[in-house]
């Protein structure tokens, strides 16, 4: 972010901390419980947000050199990401012969992708380059029957993919320039995946995303882990189109009041959360970044993947123990949030609430749901 904006955010946090009150510029709102229970709404979310819109799919360190690949499943759609000499490509990971998964491995490096069913073979550009007993397919022109290509974008150290090959999506327009500039400032391309965690949580994906859009719960839900490190409920919020930035100031930010402004650095005294619509988050800390991806599996369960991105060489380096402790603390803290999401999921159909109430400092949740409503073309009731 721009230096002037960084100073303004710190000053705002100090002002709120001195007043010992959360921000009050928002308004009260409510979220209908039906939004988390409606199968038709969920189907529209899958179609328009996760299959028909850009989804953050990988960090560039996972695809560092030509031939590197990773496979993903995006809302039930198998996807293959490949780096070639020309750059990044994405394909449906589905053979053009009989529809088998072409590359079953999660990651690796190769020149050719060989379907395990009948050995139809594709190169790094997705082009069909070999089929066994070609005489049995006189109408097939190998170079014309490629893997279905998907829109993809590499920017600021990350890769976005649209899982629908027919979707009319302008990827460049999805990420506002101001947000791209901020993400570039993280220098995430200089990091690499140090450790990862994957787990299924029995909660609607929106419940899990909601939990990361306010700091009202910190002193209670995280009282045994990180609560003492952060100010209570203070979390300045800035939208960037459908995406957002939230600042979670630590208690140590109060020390800056006695220091000259040229020594102020926000990352040293706050966690910065970039919400990358629809359901990915970059948790920016002083010396590393955590990528959290939430993928809906069905109406009441979600796959959460967490990747700690640390400086290159962290694995096997002299500070490996430090990075492992950081990774473990992140897993523990987010598990506290997601366990509460599971509890909420169990009570959704009870009839106890027709709506969830949102306080003036939970406006980011209301904005997320309004954005979802607009993207799927359904009213918020």
Protein backbone atom coordinates (compact mmCIF):
# COMPACT_ATOMS: atom_id res chain seq x y z
CA UNK A 1 0.00 0.00 0.00
CA UNK A 2 1.03 3.62 -0.41
CA UNK A 3 3.12 4.99 2.43
CA UNK A 4 0.63 7.79 3.17
CA UNK A 5 -2.19 5.28 3.47
CA UNK A 6 -0.10 3.09 5.76
CA UNK A 7 0.47 6.09 8.08
CA UNK A 8 -3.24 6.97 8.01
CA UNK A 9 -4.24 3.41 8.96
CA UNK A 10 -1.82 3.35 11.88
CA UNK A 11 -3.07 6.76 13.08
CA UNK A 12 -6.67 5.55 12.85
CA UNK A 13 -5.86 2.41 14.85
CA UNK A 14 -4.10 4.49 17.51
CA UNK A 15 -7.08 6.84 17.73
CA UNK A 16 -9.50 3.95 18.23
CA UNK A 17 -7.18 2.28 20.74
CA UNK A 18 -6.91 5.45 22.82
CA UNK A 19 -10.68 5.83 22.79
CA UNK A 20 -10.99 2.13 23.75
CA UNK A 21 -13.81 1.59 21.29
CA UNK A 22 -14.31 -0.24 18.00
CA UNK A 23 -15.02 1.67 14.78
CA UNK A 24 -18.63 2.89 14.60
CA UNK A 25 -18.99 4.15 11.02
CA UNK A 26 -20.97 1.07 9.95
CA UNK A 27 -24.60 0.23 10.58
CA UNK A 28 -26.52 -2.71 11.98
CA UNK A 29 -27.71 -5.32 9.49
CA UNK A 30 -28.94 -8.88 9.28
CA UNK A 31 -28.25 -11.99 7.24
CA UNK A 32 -31.16 -14.41 6.59
CA UNK A 33 -30.30 -17.91 7.81
CA UNK A 34 -31.93 -19.25 4.63
CA UNK A 35 -28.87 -18.09 2.66
CA UNK A 36 -26.87 -20.93 4.21
CA UNK A 37 -29.58 -23.59 3.74
CA UNK A 38 -31.03 -23.06 0.26
CA UNK A 39 -29.88 -25.75 -2.23
CA UNK A 40 -30.89 -23.64 -5.24
CA UNK A 41 -28.83 -20.69 -3.98
CA UNK A 42 -25.88 -23.02 -3.37
CA UNK A 43 -26.13 -24.32 -6.94
CA UNK A 44 -26.02 -20.74 -8.23
CA UNK A 45 -22.98 -20.01 -6.07
CA UNK A 46 -21.14 -22.98 -7.55
CA UNK A 47 -22.07 -22.01 -11.11
CA UNK A 48 -21.39 -18.28 -10.97
CA UNK A 49 -18.73 -17.85 -8.28
CA UNK A 50 -16.59 -20.98 -8.25
CA UNK A 51 -16.98 -22.38 -11.78
CA UNK A 52 -17.83 -19.27 -13.75
CA UNK A 53 -15.61 -16.81 -11.89
CA UNK A 54 -11.91 -16.50 -11.03
CA UNK A 55 -10.66 -18.62 -8.12
CA UNK A 56 -7.20 -18.32 -6.59
CA UNK A 57 -5.74 -21.73 -7.40
CA UNK A 58 -1.99 -21.75 -6.67
CA UNK A 59 1.14 -19.93 -5.58
CA UNK A 60 3.82 -19.52 -8.23
CA UNK A 61 6.37 -21.47 -6.19
CA UNK A 62 4.30 -24.58 -6.89
CA UNK A 63 4.92 -24.02 -10.61
CA UNK A 64 8.39 -22.56 -10.59
CA UNK A 65 9.96 -24.09 -13.71
CA UNK A 66 8.72 -25.32 -17.12
CA UNK A 67 7.11 -28.73 -16.77
CA UNK A 68 5.89 -28.16 -13.22
CA UNK A 69 2.21 -28.92 -12.72
CA UNK A 70 -0.41 -29.02 -9.98
CA UNK A 71 -3.91 -30.43 -10.05
CA UNK A 72 -6.87 -28.88 -8.30
CA UNK A 73 -10.56 -29.59 -7.89
CA UNK A 74 -12.60 -26.41 -8.11
CA UNK A 75 -16.22 -26.94 -7.06
CA UNK A 76 -16.08 -30.49 -8.40
CA UNK A 77 -14.27 -29.56 -11.63
CA UNK A 78 -10.84 -31.23 -12.12
CA UNK A 79 -8.23 -28.67 -13.21
CA UNK A 80 -4.64 -29.05 -14.39
CA UNK A 81 -2.21 -26.11 -14.07
CA UNK A 82 1.02 -26.33 -16.07
CA UNK A 83 4.00 -24.04 -16.59
CA UNK A 84 5.54 -24.23 -20.05
CA UNK A 85 8.38 -22.21 -21.58
CA UNK A 86 5.76 -19.69 -22.71
CA UNK A 87 4.12 -19.23 -19.29
CA UNK A 88 1.18 -20.53 -17.26
CA UNK A 89 -1.69 -22.57 -18.70
CA UNK A 90 -4.77 -24.18 -17.22
CA UNK A 91 -6.87 -27.02 -18.60
CA UNK A 92 -9.74 -29.24 -17.66
CA UNK A 93 -7.96 -32.33 -16.34
CA UNK A 94 -10.21 -34.55 -18.45
CA UNK A 95 -9.17 -36.77 -21.36
CA UNK A 96 -10.80 -36.00 -24.73
CA UNK A 97 -11.24 -39.73 -25.44
CA UNK A 98 -13.46 -41.19 -22.70
CA UNK A 99 -13.29 -38.54 -20.00
CA UNK A 100 -10.82 -40.06 -17.53
CA UNK A 101 -8.70 -37.85 -15.29
CA UNK A 102 -5.53 -37.33 -17.31
CA UNK A 103 -3.15 -36.46 -14.44
CA UNK A 104 -4.08 -38.09 -11.10
CA UNK A 105 -1.06 -36.80 -9.17
CA UNK A 106 -1.38 -33.64 -7.05
CA UNK A 107 1.85 -32.13 -8.35
CA UNK A 108 5.05 -33.01 -10.20
CA UNK A 109 7.09 -32.26 -13.30
CA UNK A 110 6.87 -33.88 -16.73
CA UNK A 111 6.93 -33.25 -20.48
CA UNK A 112 3.89 -35.37 -21.30
CA UNK A 113 0.60 -36.14 -19.59
CA UNK A 114 -0.47 -39.71 -20.26
CA UNK A 115 -4.06 -40.69 -19.54
CA UNK A 116 -4.01 -43.81 -17.31
CA UNK A 117 -7.02 -45.31 -19.12
CA UNK A 118 -5.92 -45.67 -22.76
CA UNK A 119 -2.64 -43.70 -22.81
CA UNK A 120 -3.80 -40.78 -24.90
CA UNK A 121 -0.91 -38.35 -24.44
CA UNK A 122 -0.84 -34.55 -24.19
CA UNK A 123 2.06 -32.10 -24.05
CA UNK A 124 2.54 -29.11 -21.76
CA UNK A 125 0.37 -27.02 -24.07
CA UNK A 126 -2.51 -29.48 -23.74
CA UNK A 127 -2.10 -30.68 -27.30
CA UNK A 128 -2.89 -34.31 -28.08
CA UNK A 129 0.44 -35.66 -29.40
CA UNK A 130 -0.13 -39.42 -29.36
CA UNK A 131 -2.96 -41.94 -29.32
CA UNK A 132 -2.54 -45.71 -29.34
CA UNK A 133 -3.74 -47.55 -32.45
CA UNK A 134 -4.44 -44.35 -34.25
CA UNK A 135 -5.91 -46.29 -37.14
CA UNK A 136 -9.00 -46.85 -34.99
CA UNK A 137 -9.71 -43.12 -35.01
CA UNK A 138 -9.41 -41.99 -38.64
CA UNK A 139 -11.40 -38.80 -37.98
CA UNK A 140 -9.18 -37.61 -35.14
CA UNK A 141 -6.53 -35.01 -35.93
CA UNK A 142 -4.28 -35.08 -32.83
CA UNK A 143 -3.33 -31.41 -32.96
CA UNK A 144 -7.01 -30.43 -33.11
CA UNK A 145 -8.21 -32.41 -30.09
CA UNK A 146 -6.47 -30.68 -27.21
CA UNK A 147 -7.34 -30.57 -23.54
CA UNK A 148 -10.00 -27.92 -22.94
CA UNK A 149 -8.18 -24.73 -22.07
CA UNK A 150 -9.30 -22.59 -19.14
CA UNK A 151 -8.84 -18.84 -18.58
CA UNK A 152 -6.01 -18.22 -16.13
CA UNK A 153 -4.05 -15.26 -14.84
CA UNK A 154 -0.67 -15.08 -13.10
CA UNK A 155 -0.29 -11.93 -11.02
CA UNK A 156 1.59 -10.81 -7.90
CA UNK A 157 2.90 -14.31 -7.18
CA UNK A 158 -0.44 -16.15 -7.47
CA UNK A 159 -2.48 -17.92 -10.14
CA UNK A 160 -6.22 -17.45 -10.72
CA UNK A 161 -8.29 -19.89 -12.80
CA UNK A 162 -11.83 -19.94 -14.20
CA UNK A 163 -13.02 -23.57 -14.19
CA UNK A 164 -15.60 -23.07 -16.96
CA UNK A 165 -13.95 -22.98 -20.41
CA UNK A 166 -16.99 -21.20 -21.87
CA UNK A 167 -17.15 -18.45 -19.23
CA UNK A 168 -16.85 -14.90 -20.52
CA UNK A 169 -14.61 -13.47 -17.80
CA UNK A 170 -12.18 -10.58 -18.00
CA UNK A 171 -9.59 -11.72 -15.50
CA UNK A 172 -7.70 -8.43 -15.58
CA UNK A 173 -10.87 -6.56 -14.63
CA UNK A 174 -11.50 -8.91 -11.69
CA UNK A 175 -8.45 -7.64 -9.80
CA UNK A 176 -8.55 -3.84 -9.49
CA UNK A 177 -5.17 -2.20 -10.26
CA UNK A 178 -4.96 -0.75 -6.75
CA UNK A 179 -5.30 -4.23 -5.26
CA UNK A 180 -2.76 -5.72 -7.67
CA UNK A 181 -0.29 -2.98 -6.69
CA UNK A 182 -0.74 -3.84 -3.01
CA UNK A 183 -0.35 -7.55 -3.64
CA UNK A 184 2.80 -6.93 -5.66
CA UNK A 185 4.12 -5.01 -2.68
CA UNK A 186 4.01 -8.23 -0.67
CA UNK A 187 6.70 -9.68 -2.99
CA UNK A 188 4.98 -13.06 -2.66
CA UNK A 189 6.90 -14.37 -5.66
CA UNK A 190 9.99 -14.34 -3.42
CA UNK A 191 8.29 -16.80 -1.04
CA UNK A 192 7.61 -20.52 -1.35
CA UNK A 193 5.18 -22.99 0.16
CA UNK A 194 6.82 -24.06 3.42
CA UNK A 195 4.02 -26.30 4.75
CA UNK A 196 0.40 -27.07 3.97
CA UNK A 197 -2.66 -28.37 5.75
CA UNK A 198 -5.91 -29.69 4.27
CA UNK A 199 -9.07 -30.56 6.16
CA UNK A 200 -12.80 -30.92 5.55
CA UNK A 201 -15.01 -28.87 7.87
CA UNK A 202 -18.73 -29.59 8.15
CA UNK A 203 -19.96 -26.06 7.53
CA UNK A 204 -21.31 -24.03 4.64
CA UNK A 205 -18.47 -22.17 2.95
CA UNK A 206 -19.97 -18.76 3.73
CA UNK A 207 -19.97 -19.48 7.47
CA UNK A 208 -16.22 -20.10 7.32
CA UNK A 209 -15.58 -16.95 5.28
CA UNK A 210 -17.82 -14.86 7.58
CA UNK A 211 -15.64 -15.76 10.57
CA UNK A 212 -12.62 -14.05 9.04
CA UNK A 213 -14.36 -10.75 8.35
CA UNK A 214 -14.55 -9.33 11.87
CA UNK A 215 -12.40 -9.04 15.00
CA UNK A 216 -15.34 -8.92 17.41
CA UNK A 217 -14.78 -12.58 18.30
CA UNK A 218 -11.03 -12.40 18.97
CA UNK A 219 -11.05 -11.82 22.73
CA UNK A 220 -13.52 -14.69 23.23
CA UNK A 221 -12.97 -17.35 20.59
CA UNK A 222 -9.16 -17.00 20.69
CA UNK A 223 -8.70 -16.29 24.39
CA UNK A 224 -6.30 -19.26 24.79
CA UNK A 225 -4.22 -18.54 21.69
CA UNK A 226 -3.84 -15.07 20.14
CA UNK A 227 -6.39 -12.86 21.94
CA UNK A 228 -3.79 -11.07 24.05
CA UNK A 229 -1.84 -10.09 20.96
CA UNK A 230 -4.60 -8.01 19.36
CA UNK A 231 -6.73 -4.96 20.11
CA UNK A 232 -10.38 -5.66 20.82
CA UNK A 233 -12.73 -5.48 17.77
CA UNK A 234 -10.63 -2.89 15.91
CA UNK A 235 -10.29 -3.91 12.25
CA UNK A 236 -10.22 -1.09 9.61
CA UNK A 237 -11.68 -2.36 6.34
CA UNK A 238 -11.18 -1.30 2.71
CA UNK A 239 -13.04 -2.78 -0.30
CA UNK A 240 -11.34 -3.35 -3.67
CA UNK A 241 -14.18 -4.25 -6.00
CA UNK A 242 -15.38 -7.67 -4.85
CA UNK A 243 -12.16 -8.13 -2.86
CA UNK A 244 -11.08 -6.42 0.35
CA UNK A 245 -8.38 -5.57 2.86
CA UNK A 246 -8.82 -5.77 6.64
CA UNK A 247 -6.22 -4.65 9.18
CA UNK A 248 -6.03 -6.40 12.56
CA UNK A 249 -3.78 -4.24 14.77
CA UNK A 250 -1.77 -5.95 17.47
CA UNK A 251 -1.46 -4.54 20.97
CA UNK A 252 2.13 -3.58 20.13
CA UNK A 253 0.90 -0.89 17.73
CA UNK A 254 0.48 1.35 20.79
CA UNK A 255 4.27 1.54 21.00
CA UNK A 256 4.34 3.53 17.75
CA UNK A 257 2.71 6.54 19.40
CA UNK A 258 6.11 7.31 20.98
CA UNK A 259 8.15 6.74 17.80
CA UNK A 260 8.76 8.98 14.79
CA UNK A 261 6.56 8.18 11.79
CA UNK A 262 9.50 7.14 9.63
CA UNK A 263 9.84 4.09 11.91
CA UNK A 264 6.21 3.06 11.51
CA UNK A 265 5.70 -0.23 9.63
CA UNK A 266 2.20 -1.69 9.69
CA UNK A 267 3.21 -5.32 9.08
CA UNK A 268 5.30 -5.30 12.25
CA UNK A 269 2.28 -4.37 14.37
CA UNK A 270 -0.74 -5.80 12.57
CA UNK A 271 -2.00 -8.72 10.56
CA UNK A 272 -3.31 -7.66 7.16
CA UNK A 273 -6.02 -9.83 5.60
CA UNK A 274 -6.73 -9.63 1.88
CA UNK A 275 -10.07 -11.22 1.07
CA UNK A 276 -9.86 -12.50 -2.51
CA UNK A 277 -13.41 -13.14 -3.66
CA UNK A 278 -15.11 -15.49 -3.36
CA UNK A 279 -13.37 -17.47 -0.62
CA UNK A 280 -9.58 -17.11 -0.47
CA UNK A 281 -7.67 -15.07 2.09
CA UNK A 282 -4.08 -13.87 2.26
CA UNK A 283 -3.04 -13.47 5.88
CA UNK A 284 -0.04 -11.14 5.80
CA UNK A 285 2.25 -11.14 8.83
CA UNK A 286 5.54 -9.39 9.47
CA UNK A 287 7.78 -11.89 7.69
CA UNK A 288 5.50 -14.30 5.82
CA UNK A 289 2.09 -14.82 4.21
CA UNK A 290 -0.53 -17.53 4.75
CA UNK A 291 -2.87 -18.49 1.91
CA UNK A 292 -6.22 -19.89 3.09
CA UNK A 293 -8.53 -21.34 0.45
CA UNK A 294 -12.08 -22.45 1.23
CA UNK A 295 -13.79 -24.63 -1.38
CA UNK A 296 -17.43 -25.76 -1.04
CA UNK A 297 -17.96 -29.51 -1.31
CA UNK A 298 -21.70 -29.51 -0.68
CA UNK A 299 -24.25 -27.33 1.07
CA UNK A 300 -22.94 -28.23 4.53
CA UNK A 301 -19.24 -29.03 4.11
CA UNK A 302 -16.12 -27.31 2.80
CA UNK A 303 -12.50 -28.16 2.07
CA UNK A 304 -10.03 -25.76 3.67
CA UNK A 305 -6.44 -25.63 2.47
CA UNK A 306 -3.82 -23.62 4.33
CA UNK A 307 -0.39 -22.86 2.87
CA UNK A 308 2.31 -21.05 4.85
CA UNK A 309 4.45 -19.07 2.40
CA UNK A 310 7.89 -18.43 3.88
CA UNK A 311 11.18 -17.08 2.49
CA UNK A 312 12.89 -19.45 0.09
CA UNK A 313 15.18 -21.88 1.88
CA UNK A 314 13.09 -21.99 5.06
CA UNK A 315 12.71 -25.77 4.78
CA UNK A 316 15.89 -27.30 6.11
CA UNK A 317 17.28 -23.91 7.14
CA UNK A 318 18.53 -22.84 10.55
CA UNK A 319 15.11 -21.30 11.42
CA UNK A 320 12.97 -24.21 10.31
CA UNK A 321 11.71 -24.70 13.88
CA UNK A 322 10.52 -21.09 13.96
CA UNK A 323 8.53 -21.53 10.76
CA UNK A 324 7.00 -24.79 11.97
CA UNK A 325 5.80 -23.09 15.15
CA UNK A 326 4.25 -20.30 13.09
CA UNK A 327 2.50 -22.81 10.84
CA UNK A 328 1.19 -24.79 13.82
CA UNK A 329 -0.12 -21.65 15.54
CA UNK A 330 -1.99 -20.61 12.39
CA UNK A 331 -3.58 -24.06 12.11
CA UNK A 332 -4.62 -23.98 15.77
CA UNK A 333 -6.07 -20.47 15.57
CA UNK A 334 -8.06 -21.05 12.39
CA UNK A 335 -9.32 -24.36 13.75
CA UNK A 336 -10.90 -22.38 16.59
CA UNK A 337 -12.79 -20.32 14.00
CA UNK A 338 -13.82 -23.26 11.85
CA UNK A 339 -14.95 -25.35 14.82
CA UNK A 340 -17.35 -22.52 15.65
CA UNK A 341 -18.50 -22.60 12.03
CA UNK A 342 -19.35 -26.27 12.46
CA UNK A 343 -21.32 -25.45 15.61
CA UNK A 344 -23.31 -22.79 13.78
CA UNK A 345 -23.97 -25.22 10.93
CA UNK A 346 -25.51 -27.72 13.38
CA UNK A 347 -27.93 -25.07 14.63
CA UNK A 348 -28.96 -23.56 11.28
CA UNK A 349 -32.04 -25.71 10.74
CA UNK A 350 -33.20 -25.52 14.36
CA UNK A 351 -35.39 -22.48 13.78
CA UNK A 352 -33.72 -20.58 16.63
CA UNK A 353 -32.88 -17.74 14.26
CA UNK A 354 -34.48 -16.48 11.08
CA UNK A 355 -31.63 -13.98 10.70
CA UNK A 356 -28.15 -13.44 12.08
CA UNK A 357 -27.64 -9.94 13.47
CA UNK A 358 -24.57 -7.93 12.47
CA UNK A 359 -23.14 -5.11 14.57
CA UNK A 360 -21.78 -1.85 13.24
CA UNK A 361 -18.26 -3.32 13.23
CA UNK A 362 -19.30 -6.39 11.17
CA UNK A 363 -20.12 -4.51 7.97
CA UNK A 364 -17.62 -6.53 5.92
CA UNK A 365 -19.86 -9.59 6.28
CA UNK A 366 -22.89 -7.72 4.96
CA UNK A 367 -20.85 -6.47 2.01
CA UNK A 368 -19.67 -9.98 1.16
CA UNK A 369 -23.22 -11.29 1.05
CA UNK A 370 -24.41 -8.32 -1.02
CA UNK A 371 -21.61 -9.05 -3.51
CA UNK A 372 -22.60 -12.71 -3.67
CA UNK A 373 -26.25 -11.76 -4.26
CA UNK A 374 -25.25 -9.47 -7.12
CA UNK A 375 -22.98 -12.05 -8.75
CA UNK A 376 -25.51 -14.88 -8.66
CA UNK A 377 -28.48 -12.69 -9.51
CA UNK A 378 -30.56 -13.70 -6.51
CA UNK A 379 -32.19 -11.46 -3.88
CA UNK A 380 -30.88 -11.53 -0.35
CA UNK A 381 -33.98 -12.98 1.32
